[in-house]
Each structure stands twice: as C-alpha cells, then as structure tokens.
C-alpha atoms as a PDB file:
ATOM      1  CA  MET A   1     -25.203 -12.837  -9.242  1.00  0.00           C
ATOM      2  CA  ILE A   2     -24.990 -13.944  -5.444  1.00  0.00           C
ATOM      3  CA  ARG A   3     -25.064 -17.569  -6.734  1.00  0.00           C
ATOM      4  CA  GLN A   4     -22.083 -17.001  -9.001  1.00  0.00           C
ATOM      5  CA  LEU A   5     -20.335 -14.928  -6.222  1.00  0.00           C
ATOM      6  CA  LYS A   6     -20.815 -18.125  -3.940  1.00  0.00           C
ATOM      7  CA  VAL A   7     -19.269 -20.317  -6.714  1.00  0.00           C
ATOM      8  CA  ASP A   8     -16.277 -18.026  -7.176  1.00  0.00           C
ATOM      9  CA  PHE A   9     -15.634 -18.036  -3.436  1.00  0.00           C
ATOM     10  CA  CYS A  10     -15.846 -21.669  -3.345  1.00  0.00           C
ATOM     11  CA  TYR A  11     -13.420 -21.945  -6.294  1.00  0.00           C
ATOM     12  CA  ALA A  12     -10.925 -19.383  -4.527  1.00  0.00           C
ATOM     13  CA  TRP A  13     -11.185 -21.421  -1.306  1.00  0.00           C
ATOM     14  CA  TYR A  14     -10.796 -24.811  -2.754  1.00  0.00           C
ATOM     15  CA  SER A  15      -8.041 -23.976  -5.136  1.00  0.00           C
ATOM     16  CA  LYS A  16      -5.945 -22.483  -2.155  1.00  0.00           C
ATOM     17  CA  LEU A  17      -6.065 -19.140  -3.917  1.00  0.00           C
ATOM     18  CA  PHE A  18      -7.928 -17.583  -1.060  1.00  0.00           C
ATOM     19  CA  ILE A  19      -5.503 -18.821   1.621  1.00  0.00           C
ATOM     20  CA  GLY A  20      -2.276 -18.083  -0.428  1.00  0.00           C
ATOM     21  CA  MET A  21      -3.462 -14.311  -1.191  1.00  0.00           C
ATOM     22  CA  LEU A  22      -4.580 -13.784   2.372  1.00  0.00           C
ATOM     23  CA  SER A  23      -1.255 -14.956   3.541  1.00  0.00           C
ATOM     24  CA  PHE A  24       0.555 -12.613   1.324  1.00  0.00           C
ATOM     25  CA  PHE A  25      -1.511  -9.772   2.547  1.00  0.00           C
ATOM     26  CA  ILE A  26      -0.782 -10.672   6.114  1.00  0.00           C
ATOM     27  CA  LEU A  27       2.965 -11.253   5.242  1.00  0.00           C
ATOM     28  CA  THR A  28       3.261  -7.681   3.815  1.00  0.00           C
ATOM     29  CA  THR A  29       1.353  -6.348   6.838  1.00  0.00           C
ATOM     30  CA  LEU A  30       3.821  -8.056   9.117  1.00  0.00           C
ATOM     31  CA  LEU A  31       6.721  -6.623   7.053  1.00  0.00           C
ATOM     32  CA  THR A  32       5.135  -3.165   7.213  1.00  0.00           C
ATOM     33  CA  PHE A  33       5.023  -3.179  11.067  1.00  0.00           C
ATOM     34  CA  PHE A  34       8.355  -4.695  11.253  1.00  0.00           C
ATOM     35  CA  MET A  35       9.963  -1.856   9.233  1.00  0.00           C
ATOM     36  CA  SER A  36       7.985   0.585  11.530  1.00  0.00           C
ATOM     37  CA  ASP A  37       9.471  -1.078  14.554  1.00  0.00           C
ATOM     38  CA  GLN A  38      12.979  -0.931  13.040  1.00  0.00           C
ATOM     39  CA  ASN A  39      12.475   2.762  12.188  1.00  0.00           C
ATOM     40  CA  VAL A  40      11.427   3.723  15.789  1.00  0.00           C
ATOM     41  CA  ARG A  41      14.461   1.881  17.292  1.00  0.00           C
ATOM     42  CA  TYR A  42      16.728   3.655  14.904  1.00  0.00           C
ATOM     43  CA  GLU A  43      15.329   7.055  15.729  1.00  0.00           C
ATOM     44  CA  TYR A  44      15.488   6.199  19.451  1.00  0.00           C
ATOM     45  CA  ASN A  45      19.250   5.325  19.054  1.00  0.00           C
ATOM     46  CA  SER A  46      19.813   8.624  16.922  1.00  0.00           C
ATOM     47  CA  TYR A  47      18.362  10.671  19.836  1.00  0.00           C
ATOM     48  CA  ILE A  48      20.105   9.034  22.600  1.00  0.00           C
ATOM     49  CA  HIS A  49      23.516   9.259  20.702  1.00  0.00           C
ATOM     50  CA  GLN A  50      22.900  12.980  20.256  1.00  0.00           C
ATOM     51  CA  LEU A  51      21.620  13.528  23.875  1.00  0.00           C
ATOM     52  CA  GLU A  52      24.737  11.835  25.064  1.00  0.00           C
ATOM     53  CA  TYR A  53      27.085  14.161  22.978  1.00  0.00           C
ATOM     54  CA  TYR A  54      25.228  17.194  24.049  1.00  0.00           C
ATOM     55  CA  GLN A  55      25.738  16.118  27.839  1.00  0.00           C
ATOM     56  CA  GLN A  56      29.426  15.381  27.322  1.00  0.00           C
ATOM     57  CA  THR A  57      29.875  18.766  25.789  1.00  0.00           C
ATOM     58  CA  GLY A  58      27.948  20.539  28.549  1.00  0.00           C
ATOM     59  CA  ALA A  59      25.507  22.012  26.160  1.00  0.00           C
ATOM     60  CA  ASP A  60      22.176  23.258  27.500  1.00  0.00           C
ATOM     61  CA  ILE A  61      19.799  20.530  26.664  1.00  0.00           C
ATOM     62  CA  GLU A  62      16.611  22.390  27.414  1.00  0.00           C
ATOM     63  CA  GLU A  63      17.505  25.385  25.408  1.00  0.00           C
ATOM     64  CA  ALA A  64      18.379  22.887  22.501  1.00  0.00           C
ATOM     65  CA  LEU A  65      15.151  21.084  22.640  1.00  0.00           C
ATOM     66  CA  ASN A  66      12.992  24.474  22.797  1.00  0.00           C
ATOM     67  CA  THR A  67      15.037  25.882  19.574  1.00  0.00           C
ATOM     68  CA  GLU A  68      14.111  25.035  16.130  1.00  0.00           C
ATOM     69  CA  TYR A  69      16.462  23.044  13.983  1.00  0.00           C
ATOM     70  CA  GLU A  70      17.450  24.006  10.634  1.00  0.00           C
ATOM     71  CA  ILE A  71      18.409  21.651   7.646  1.00  0.00           C
ATOM     72  CA  ILE A  72      21.250  23.321   6.008  1.00  0.00           C
ATOM     73  CA  GLU A  73      21.955  20.583   3.444  1.00  0.00           C
ATOM     74  CA  ASP A  74      19.986  17.451   2.617  1.00  0.00           C
ATOM     75  CA  ASN A  75      21.477  14.835   0.324  1.00  0.00           C
ATOM     76  CA  GLY A  76      18.911  12.145   0.862  1.00  0.00           C
ATOM     77  CA  ASN A  77      20.538   9.853   3.312  1.00  0.00           C
ATOM     78  CA  SER A  78      22.889  12.369   4.738  1.00  0.00           C
ATOM     79  CA  GLY A  79      23.144  16.264   5.338  1.00  0.00           C
ATOM     80  CA  THR A  80      23.882  18.807   7.706  1.00  0.00           C
ATOM     81  CA  ILE A  81      21.531  19.963  10.460  1.00  0.00           C
ATOM     82  CA  LYS A  82      21.796  23.051  12.845  1.00  0.00           C
ATOM     83  CA  ASN A  83      20.720  21.783  16.265  1.00  0.00           C
ATOM     84  CA  PRO A  84      20.397  18.161  15.558  1.00  0.00           C
ATOM     85  CA  LEU A  85      19.103  17.219  19.090  1.00  0.00           C
ATOM     86  CA  SER A  86      15.823  19.080  18.297  1.00  0.00           C
ATOM     87  CA  PHE A  87      15.581  17.338  14.926  1.00  0.00           C
ATOM     88  CA  HIS A  88      16.016  13.880  16.305  1.00  0.00           C
ATOM     89  CA  TYR A  89      13.717  14.638  19.212  1.00  0.00           C
ATOM     90  CA  GLU A  90      11.032  15.538  16.595  1.00  0.00           C
ATOM     91  CA  GLU A  91      11.759  12.412  14.475  1.00  0.00           C
ATOM     92  CA  LEU A  92      11.637  10.179  17.546  1.00  0.00           C
ATOM     93  CA  SER A  93       8.351  11.713  18.571  1.00  0.00           C
ATOM     94  CA  ALA A  94       6.885  11.145  15.071  1.00  0.00           C
ATOM     95  CA  SER A  95       8.051   7.575  15.144  1.00  0.00           C
ATOM     96  CA  LEU A  96       6.691   6.797  18.602  1.00  0.00           C
ATOM     97  CA  TYR A  97       3.384   8.186  17.294  1.00  0.00           C
ATOM     98  CA  SER A  98       3.671   5.853  14.287  1.00  0.00           C
ATOM     99  CA  ILE A  99       3.635   2.824  16.453  1.00  0.00           C
ATOM    100  CA  THR A 100       0.502   3.761  18.495  1.00  0.00           C
ATOM    101  CA  SER A 101      -3.058   2.133  17.751  1.00  0.00           C
ATOM    102  CA  ASP A 102      -4.360   5.356  16.562  1.00  0.00           C
ATOM    103  CA  TYR A 103      -1.803   5.182  13.611  1.00  0.00           C
ATOM    104  CA  ALA A 104      -2.148   1.478  12.874  1.00  0.00           C
ATOM    105  CA  PHE A 105      -4.661   1.679  10.222  1.00  0.00           C
ATOM    106  CA  SER A 106      -2.880   4.519   8.476  1.00  0.00           C
ATOM    107  CA  GLN A 107       0.303   2.603   8.620  1.00  0.00           C
ATOM    108  CA  LEU A 108      -1.259  -0.235   7.175  1.00  0.00           C
ATOM    109  CA  CYS A 109      -2.606   1.859   4.163  1.00  0.00           C
ATOM    110  CA  GLU A 110       0.795   3.537   3.825  1.00  0.00           C
ATOM    111  CA  GLY A 111       2.598   0.290   3.324  1.00  0.00           C
ATOM    112  CA  GLY A 112      -0.254  -0.681   1.050  1.00  0.00           C
ATOM    113  CA  LEU A 113       0.929   1.959  -1.258  1.00  0.00           C
ATOM    114  CA  VAL A 114       3.976  -0.166  -1.800  1.00  0.00           C
ATOM    115  CA  PHE A 115       2.586  -3.687  -1.479  1.00  0.00           C
ATOM    116  CA  PHE A 116      -1.205  -3.454  -2.724  1.00  0.00           C
ATOM    117  CA  PRO A 117      -0.367  -2.629  -6.352  1.00  0.00           C
ATOM    118  CA  ILE A 118       1.712  -5.771  -6.670  1.00  0.00           C
ATOM    119  CA  LEU A 119      -0.820  -7.948  -4.824  1.00  0.00           C
ATOM    120  CA  ALA A 120      -3.872  -6.599  -6.555  1.00  0.00           C
ATOM    121  CA  SER A 121      -2.202  -6.815 -10.007  1.00  0.00           C
ATOM    122  CA  PHE A 122      -1.011 -10.503  -9.551  1.00  0.00           C
ATOM    123  CA  PHE A 123      -4.479 -11.495  -8.237  1.00  0.00           C
ATOM    124  CA  GLY A 124      -6.159  -9.902 -11.288  1.00  0.00           C
ATOM    125  CA  LEU A 125      -3.814 -11.724 -13.621  1.00  0.00           C
ATOM    126  CA  ILE A 126      -4.487 -15.077 -11.939  1.00  0.00           C
ATOM    127  CA  TRP A 127      -8.147 -14.379 -11.685  1.00  0.00           C
ATOM    128  CA  ALA A 128      -8.561 -13.422 -15.357  1.00  0.00           C
ATOM    129  CA  THR A 129      -6.905 -16.669 -16.630  1.00  0.00           C
ATOM    130  CA  ALA A 130      -8.421 -19.145 -14.304  1.00  0.00           C
ATOM    131  CA  ASP A 131     -11.220 -20.243 -16.577  1.00  0.00           C
ATOM    132  CA  ILE A 132      -8.703 -20.630 -19.447  1.00  0.00           C
ATOM    133  CA  LYS A 133      -6.420 -22.516 -17.185  1.00  0.00           C
ATOM    134  CA  HIS A 134      -8.982 -24.949 -16.002  1.00  0.00           C
ATOM    135  CA  LYS A 135     -10.928 -25.148 -19.275  1.00  0.00           C
ATOM    136  CA  THR A 136     -14.149 -23.793 -17.487  1.00  0.00           C
ATOM    137  CA  LEU A 137     -14.778 -20.830 -19.557  1.00  0.00           C
ATOM    138  CA  ARG A 138     -17.217 -22.518 -21.986  1.00  0.00           C
ATOM    139  CA  TYR A 139     -19.374 -23.775 -19.227  1.00  0.00           C
ATOM    140  CA  ARG A 140     -19.624 -20.343 -17.644  1.00  0.00           C
ATOM    141  CA  VAL A 141     -20.567 -18.511 -20.928  1.00  0.00           C
ATOM    142  CA  MET A 142     -23.205 -21.227 -21.649  1.00  0.00           C
ATOM    143  CA  ARG A 143     -24.773 -20.411 -18.269  1.00  0.00           C
ATOM    144  CA  LEU A 144     -24.348 -16.590 -18.059  1.00  0.00           C
ATOM    145  CA  GLY A 145     -23.589 -15.414 -21.516  1.00  0.00           C
ATOM    146  CA  LYS A 146     -20.363 -13.783 -22.705  1.00  0.00           C
ATOM    147  CA  TYR A 147     -20.799 -10.266 -21.246  1.00  0.00           C
ATOM    148  CA  ALA A 148     -22.586 -11.388 -18.072  1.00  0.00           C
ATOM    149  CA  ASN A 149     -19.708 -13.647 -17.325  1.00  0.00           C
ATOM    150  CA  LEU A 150     -17.204 -10.905 -17.952  1.00  0.00           C
ATOM    151  CA  TRP A 151     -18.850  -8.534 -15.387  1.00  0.00           C
ATOM    152  CA  SER A 152     -19.616 -11.329 -13.029  1.00  0.00           C
ATOM    153  CA  ARG A 153     -16.099 -12.486 -13.177  1.00  0.00           C
ATOM    154  CA  GLN A 154     -14.622  -9.049 -12.531  1.00  0.00           C
ATOM    155  CA  ILE A 155     -16.963  -7.941  -9.958  1.00  0.00           C
ATOM    156  CA  ASN A 156     -16.671 -11.190  -7.912  1.00  0.00           C
ATOM    157  CA  GLY A 157     -12.961 -11.142  -8.271  1.00  0.00           C
ATOM    158  CA  PHE A 158     -12.583  -7.622  -6.822  1.00  0.00           C
ATOM    159  CA  ILE A 159     -15.064  -8.424  -3.972  1.00  0.00           C
ATOM    160  CA  ILE A 160     -12.910 -11.429  -3.053  1.00  0.00           C
ATOM    161  CA  LEU A 161      -9.808  -9.315  -3.374  1.00  0.00           C
ATOM    162  CA  LEU A 162     -11.419  -6.526  -0.988  1.00  0.00           C
ATOM    163  CA  SER A 163     -12.151  -9.152   1.341  1.00  0.00           C
ATOM    164  CA  PHE A 164      -8.494 -10.035   1.708  1.00  0.00           C
ATOM    165  CA  PHE A 165      -7.794  -6.356   2.816  1.00  0.00           C
ATOM    166  CA  ILE A 166     -10.831  -6.424   5.169  1.00  0.00           C
ATOM    167  CA  LEU A 167      -9.577  -9.609   6.884  1.00  0.00           C
ATOM    168  CA  THR A 168      -6.091  -8.108   7.236  1.00  0.00           C
ATOM    169  CA  ILE A 169      -7.277  -5.063   9.316  1.00  0.00           C
ATOM    170  CA  PRO A 170      -7.694  -6.988  12.462  1.00  0.00           C
ATOM    171  CA  PHE A 171      -4.336  -8.697  11.984  1.00  0.00           C
ATOM    172  CA  ALA A 172      -2.649  -5.183  11.445  1.00  0.00           C
ATOM    173  CA  PHE A 173      -3.816  -3.998  14.988  1.00  0.00           C
ATOM    174  CA  VAL A 174      -2.589  -7.330  16.661  1.00  0.00           C
ATOM    175  CA  ILE A 175       0.798  -7.195  14.898  1.00  0.00           C
ATOM    176  CA  GLN A 176       1.138  -3.433  15.673  1.00  0.00           C
ATOM    177  CA  SER A 177       0.381  -3.990  19.232  1.00  0.00           C
ATOM    178  CA  SER A 178       2.769  -6.855  19.592  1.00  0.00           C
ATOM    179  CA  PHE A 179       5.579  -4.813  18.208  1.00  0.00           C
ATOM    180  CA  ARG A 180       4.785  -1.881  20.294  1.00  0.00           C
ATOM    181  CA  ASN A 181       4.614  -3.930  23.523  1.00  0.00           C
ATOM    182  CA  GLN A 182       7.880  -5.579  22.702  1.00  0.00           C
ATOM    183  CA  PHE A 183       9.481  -2.202  22.081  1.00  0.00           C
ATOM    184  CA  LEU A 184       8.356  -0.668  25.261  1.00  0.00           C
ATOM    185  CA  THR A 185       9.338  -3.783  27.266  1.00  0.00           C
ATOM    186  CA  GLU A 186      12.994  -3.562  25.929  1.00  0.00           C
ATOM    187  CA  ILE A 187      13.288   0.111  25.935  1.00  0.00           C
ATOM    188  CA  ASP A 188      12.864   2.313  28.978  1.00  0.00           C
ATOM    189  CA  ILE A 189      11.236   5.467  27.756  1.00  0.00           C
ATOM    190  CA  ASP A 190       8.381   7.602  28.945  1.00  0.00           C
ATOM    191  CA  VAL A 191       6.330   7.985  25.715  1.00  0.00           C
ATOM    192  CA  SER A 192       4.130  10.739  27.285  1.00  0.00           C
ATOM    193  CA  THR A 193       7.156  13.255  27.162  1.00  0.00           C
ATOM    194  CA  TYR A 194       7.353  12.966  23.328  1.00  0.00           C
ATOM    195  CA  ILE A 195       4.578  14.991  21.750  1.00  0.00           C
ATOM    196  CA  TYR A 196       3.741  14.742  17.912  1.00  0.00           C
ATOM    197  CA  ALA A 197       1.489  17.413  16.506  1.00  0.00           C
ATOM    198  CA  SER A 198      -0.368  16.013  13.260  1.00  0.00           C
ATOM    199  CA  LYS A 199       0.274  18.284  10.231  1.00  0.00           C
ATOM    200  CA  ILE A 200      -2.863  17.138   8.497  1.00  0.00           C
ATOM    201  CA  ALA A 201      -6.540  16.353   9.522  1.00  0.00           C
ATOM    202  CA  VAL A 202      -6.464  12.555   9.609  1.00  0.00           C
ATOM    203  CA  ASN A 203      -9.530  11.098   7.817  1.00  0.00           C
ATOM    204  CA  TYR A 204      -9.886   7.268   8.064  1.00  0.00           C
ATOM    205  CA  ALA A 205     -12.675   7.189   5.483  1.00  0.00           C
ATOM    206  CA  LYS A 206     -10.637   8.857   2.911  1.00  0.00           C
ATOM    207  CA  GLN A 207      -7.838   6.405   3.605  1.00  0.00           C
ATOM    208  CA  LEU A 208     -10.057   3.613   3.325  1.00  0.00           C
ATOM    209  CA  LEU A 209     -11.374   4.912  -0.167  1.00  0.00           C
ATOM    210  CA  PHE A 210      -8.004   5.507  -1.297  1.00  0.00           C
ATOM    211  CA  VAL A 211      -6.798   1.811  -0.592  1.00  0.00           C
ATOM    212  CA  ILE A 212     -10.110   0.655  -2.361  1.00  0.00           C
ATOM    213  CA  ALA A 213      -9.032   2.858  -5.346  1.00  0.00           C
ATOM    214  CA  ILE A 214      -5.636   1.365  -5.423  1.00  0.00           C
ATOM    215  CA  LEU A 215      -6.844  -2.226  -5.211  1.00  0.00           C
ATOM    216  CA  LEU A 216      -9.652  -1.667  -7.886  1.00  0.00           C
ATOM    217  CA  PHE A 217      -7.147   0.093 -10.444  1.00  0.00           C
ATOM    218  CA  TYR A 218      -4.385  -2.338 -10.015  1.00  0.00           C
ATOM    219  CA  TYR A 219      -6.759  -5.378  -9.957  1.00  0.00           C
ATOM    220  CA  GLU A 220      -8.073  -4.259 -13.366  1.00  0.00           C
ATOM    221  CA  PHE A 221      -4.427  -3.566 -14.508  1.00  0.00           C
ATOM    222  CA  GLY A 222      -3.544  -7.124 -13.830  1.00  0.00           C
ATOM    223  CA  TYR A 223      -6.811  -8.566 -15.141  1.00  0.00           C
ATOM    224  CA  THR A 224      -6.327  -6.876 -18.570  1.00  0.00           C
ATOM    225  CA  PHE A 225      -2.843  -8.094 -18.897  1.00  0.00           C
ATOM    226  CA  GLY A 226      -3.927 -11.612 -17.937  1.00  0.00           C
ATOM    227  CA  ASN A 227      -6.975 -11.361 -20.279  1.00  0.00           C
ATOM    228  CA  LEU A 228      -4.847  -9.962 -23.147  1.00  0.00           C
ATOM    229  CA  LEU A 229      -1.959 -12.393 -22.918  1.00  0.00           C
ATOM    230  CA  LYS A 230      -4.055 -15.420 -21.462  1.00  0.00           C
ATOM    231  CA  GLY A 231      -1.743 -15.694 -18.556  1.00  0.00           C
ATOM    232  CA  ASN A 232       1.453 -15.984 -20.706  1.00  0.00           C
ATOM    233  CA  PRO A 233       4.575 -15.565 -18.691  1.00  0.00           C
ATOM    234  CA  VAL A 234       5.368 -12.353 -20.622  1.00  0.00           C
ATOM    235  CA  SER A 235       2.405 -10.889 -18.690  1.00  0.00           C
ATOM    236  CA  ILE A 236       4.196 -11.663 -15.415  1.00  0.00           C
ATOM    237  CA  ILE A 237       7.220 -10.183 -16.505  1.00  0.00           C
ATOM    238  CA  VAL A 238       5.740  -6.985 -17.603  1.00  0.00           C
ATOM    239  CA  LEU A 239       4.077  -6.782 -14.335  1.00  0.00           C
ATOM    240  CA  CYS A 240       7.151  -7.254 -12.414  1.00  0.00           C
ATOM    241  CA  ILE A 241       9.256  -4.745 -14.465  1.00  0.00           C
ATOM    242  CA  TYR A 242       6.548  -2.005 -14.285  1.00  0.00           C
ATOM    243  CA  LEU A 243       5.535  -2.299 -10.579  1.00  0.00           C
ATOM    244  CA  LEU A 244       9.006  -3.242  -9.148  1.00  0.00           C
ATOM    245  CA  PHE A 245      11.553  -1.597 -11.091  1.00  0.00           C
ATOM    246  CA  ILE A 246      10.160   1.539 -13.062  1.00  0.00           C
ATOM    247  CA  PRO A 247       9.986   4.692 -10.875  1.00  0.00           C
ATOM    248  CA  PRO A 248       7.539   7.643 -12.037  1.00  0.00           C
ATOM    249  CA  PHE A 249       9.227   9.166 -14.941  1.00  0.00           C
ATOM    250  CA  PHE A 250       6.662  11.913 -15.625  1.00  0.00           C
ATOM    251  CA  SER A 251       3.827  13.850 -13.863  1.00  0.00           C
ATOM    252  CA  TYR A 252       0.899  11.820 -15.146  1.00  0.00           C
ATOM    253  CA  ASP A 253       2.530   8.436 -14.624  1.00  0.00           C
ATOM    254  CA  ILE A 254       0.083   6.086 -12.724  1.00  0.00           C
ATOM    255  CA  ALA A 255       1.968   5.832  -9.638  1.00  0.00           C
ATOM    256  CA  ASN A 256       2.898   9.427  -9.423  1.00  0.00           C
ATOM    257  CA  ILE A 257      -0.727  10.408  -9.498  1.00  0.00           C
ATOM    258  CA  PHE A 258      -1.585   7.964  -6.717  1.00  0.00           C
ATOM    259  CA  ASN A 259       1.515   9.360  -4.595  1.00  0.00           C
ATOM    260  CA  ASN A 260      -0.074  12.950  -5.098  1.00  0.00           C
ATOM    261  CA  PHE A 261      -3.465  11.813  -3.573  1.00  0.00           C
ATOM    262  CA  ALA A 262      -1.611  10.011  -0.875  1.00  0.00           C
ATOM    263  CA  ASN A 263       0.376  13.130   0.080  1.00  0.00           C
ATOM    264  CA  THR A 264      -2.806  14.920   0.974  1.00  0.00           C
ATOM    265  CA  ILE A 265      -4.313  11.933   2.949  1.00  0.00           C
ATOM    266  CA  PHE A 266      -1.413  10.213   4.943  1.00  0.00           C
ATOM    267  CA  GLU A 267       1.301  11.634   7.098  1.00  0.00           C
ATOM    268  CA  PHE A 268       4.056   9.361   6.466  1.00  0.00           C
ATOM    269  CA  VAL A 269       5.657   9.631   9.927  1.00  0.00           C
ATOM    270  CA  GLY A 270       6.664   5.945   9.923  1.00  0.00           C
ATOM    271  CA  SER A 271       8.931   3.721   7.912  1.00  0.00           C
ATOM    272  CA  PHE A 272       7.342   4.736   4.625  1.00  0.00           C
ATOM    273  CA  SER A 273       7.781   8.117   2.689  1.00  0.00           C
ATOM    274  CA  LEU A 274       7.329   9.528  -0.743  1.00  0.00           C
ATOM    275  CA  THR A 275      10.775  10.763  -1.776  1.00  0.00           C
ATOM    276  CA  THR A 276       9.830  11.805  -5.363  1.00  0.00           C
ATOM    277  CA  VAL A 277       6.545  13.269  -6.153  1.00  0.00           C
ATOM    278  CA  LEU A 278       5.963  15.474  -9.370  1.00  0.00           C
ATOM    279  CA  ASP A 279       3.176  17.718  -8.709  1.00  0.00           C
ATOM    280  CA  VAL A 280      -0.101  17.279 -10.508  1.00  0.00           C
ATOM    281  CA  PRO A 281      -3.471  18.900 -10.099  1.00  0.00           C
ATOM    282  CA  LEU A 282      -5.711  16.226  -8.238  1.00  0.00           C
ATOM    283  CA  ILE A 283      -8.703  16.754 -10.617  1.00  0.00           C
ATOM    284  CA  SER A 284      -6.790  16.137 -13.807  1.00  0.00           C
ATOM    285  CA  GLY A 285      -4.940  13.292 -12.151  1.00  0.00           C
ATOM    286  CA  ALA A 286      -8.097  11.769 -11.221  1.00  0.00           C
ATOM    287  CA  LEU A 287      -9.561  12.216 -14.776  1.00  0.00           C
ATOM    288  CA  VAL A 288      -6.367  10.470 -16.169  1.00  0.00           C
ATOM    289  CA  LEU A 289      -6.893   7.531 -13.906  1.00  0.00           C
ATOM    290  CA  PHE A 290     -10.550   7.216 -14.904  1.00  0.00           C
ATOM    291  CA  GLY A 291      -9.474   7.329 -18.536  1.00  0.00           C
ATOM    292  CA  ILE A 292      -6.939   4.743 -18.158  1.00  0.00           C
ATOM    293  CA  PHE A 293      -9.464   2.475 -16.023  1.00  0.00           C
ATOM    294  CA  PHE A 294     -12.216   2.959 -18.711  1.00  0.00           C
ATOM    295  CA  ALA A 295      -9.812   2.063 -21.460  1.00  0.00           C
ATOM    296  CA  MET A 296      -8.839  -1.067 -19.698  1.00  0.00           C
ATOM    297  CA  LEU A 297     -12.617  -1.902 -19.317  1.00  0.00           C
ATOM    298  CA  LEU A 298     -13.002  -1.317 -22.968  1.00  0.00           C
ATOM    299  CA  CYS A 299      -9.998  -3.548 -23.745  1.00  0.00           C
ATOM    300  CA  ASN A 300     -11.555  -6.470 -21.828  1.00  0.00           C
ATOM    301  CA  ILE A 301     -14.879  -6.086 -23.490  1.00  0.00           C
ATOM    302  CA  MET A 302     -13.340  -6.147 -26.744  1.00  0.00           C
ATOM    303  CA  ILE A 303     -11.263  -9.173 -25.928  1.00  0.00           C
ATOM    304  CA  THR A 304     -14.518 -10.904 -24.762  1.00  0.00           C
ATOM    305  CA  LYS A 305     -16.400  -9.957 -27.972  1.00  0.00           C
ATOM    306  CA  LYS A 306     -13.716 -11.278 -30.285  1.00  0.00           C
ATOM    307  CA  ARG A 307     -12.309 -14.191 -28.354  1.00  0.00           C
ATOM    308  CA  SER A 308     -13.975 -17.606 -28.733  1.00  0.00           C
ATOM    309  CA  SER A 309     -15.337 -19.172 -25.583  1.00  0.00           C
ATOM    310  CA  TYR A 310     -14.208 -22.498 -26.673  1.00  0.00           C
ATOM    311  CA  ILE A 311     -10.694 -22.482 -25.518  1.00  0.00           C
END
C-alpha cells in the first residue's frame, strides 16, 4: 500500500497533475481572499457614506450607533432599513473581523464550499481515467488484482487530493495577511473601535472535518462519473452543468444538505453567504449523503467487476 502510494505520488508529480491541481487550489484561495478584501472595502465605503450623511443632517451619531437597526424590507440586493448607520457599523465590524488571522481558516473553508466541490470532482474524474488514458490499467491489475487496485487507486487519490488542501493552508494565511496589511495601509481606520461578537461557537476541528467530507464526497462523485464514462467529454459536461449551473431544487439535494451543515459550523461574515437553504434535519441529511456515497462506491465496484482490465 505504501509502495503504491509512492508510485501514485510520483505519477501525479511527473505528469504535472500535482502542480496543476495545487495551483488551482491556491488560485481559488487567492480569489477567496480577494473577494473578502473587496467586501471589507465596500462595507467601509458604505459606512463612511452613511456617517457623512448623518453628520450633514446634524443627527446624533452616538445615539444612532447605540440604537438597534431594523430591516423593514429586504429584496436581496436592496431594501429598507431603519437606522442604517447602526446596520452599516455592524456590517463593517463583521467584515473587519473576517480579514483577521483568526478568521483566515474559516474564510478558506467558506470559500471551499463554493470551489472545493468543483476541484475535487474534476480531480476525481481525471484520477479515475488516468490508467485508461495511459494504457497502464492491465499492469496495475496484474500486480495488485482488480479489487485491490480499485481501493488502492481511490484511497491514494484522496490522500493526494487532501494534500492539496493541507498545502494550501499556509498560503491562505500569507495571502490573508497580505490583503489585510494592504487594506490597513491604504485605509486610516482604528479597527479596535469596531467590535464583532461571534454568533456561534467557532470550532476549527469541525470546520476541518466538514472540508474533508466535502472533498471526499465530491472526489468520489467525480471518480464515479469518470469511471462510468471512461473520461468521455460527456462526463465533464455533466459535472459542469451540475456543479456550476444547477441550484438546490429540493431539501435533500446534495448541495443543500451540505449547506445545512455549513450553517451550523461557519459564521459567513465575509464575502460568502448561503442565500437559499431549505431546512433539513441534520441526521437524516447525513444518512442521505452516506447512502449516496455508498451507492457510488457500489457502482465503482460493479464497474470494476464487469469491465475488462485489458483496455
């Protein structure tokens, strides 16, 4: 097993797959923190605009900041708010918290809720078809056997995928720190006067387990499509349509179940939010995910059993 893992790592490295996938992980991380930076700049400008308006009208700013705001109407990107200064102060406080080092890992994981399903699925698809593409399947089967090769291939692929995420974490802190320092250099603001009170008990272990679950599930999702269709372009089209263009339609949709878990684990005070989440009991949602995951495993076993190794 260890020897085969070394072989698979060498293949991923020399085929440029390792560098390519790691680059995509880092690129999406950069995009995540760029969006966070743009969000805090937007909230800062919105707050300053409201503050200047209150000053021009002679309103009592201290009283406004100490008075709760009320959202009278919310139309998504627009609405009506009573006491908007208090609202924008709270939004700015939250966005300033989102660019701190304490929130860097959470921000990475929240962005991962958007990007990791795509990356994991495509890696799974590529990994499932590598032996077919390079005509090496027969040699692996002769050395390991059909089923041992299947489990070795899947486990090693996920270990490699997980290593992309682990290697991305230090980059996330460096990127986050760079954006934060640039923001504080350009904007004259005393961040200590903006206090954000976390609404949930932040648990980094739960966040890590959630990301691992996301990567594992969508890796198997992509692997199954790749294995089933032998890397046919149709499999890529199906993945693109499902992951990029189809929103959750019903409660037990895969993405909606993951979103329900995410709502209990993450704060979403930065640039990412879950706008549409249909309530699902977490236990029944977990059972559905386990059922689908088991069905995908069973599908790969049946394909391995029926398909010739001499292809």
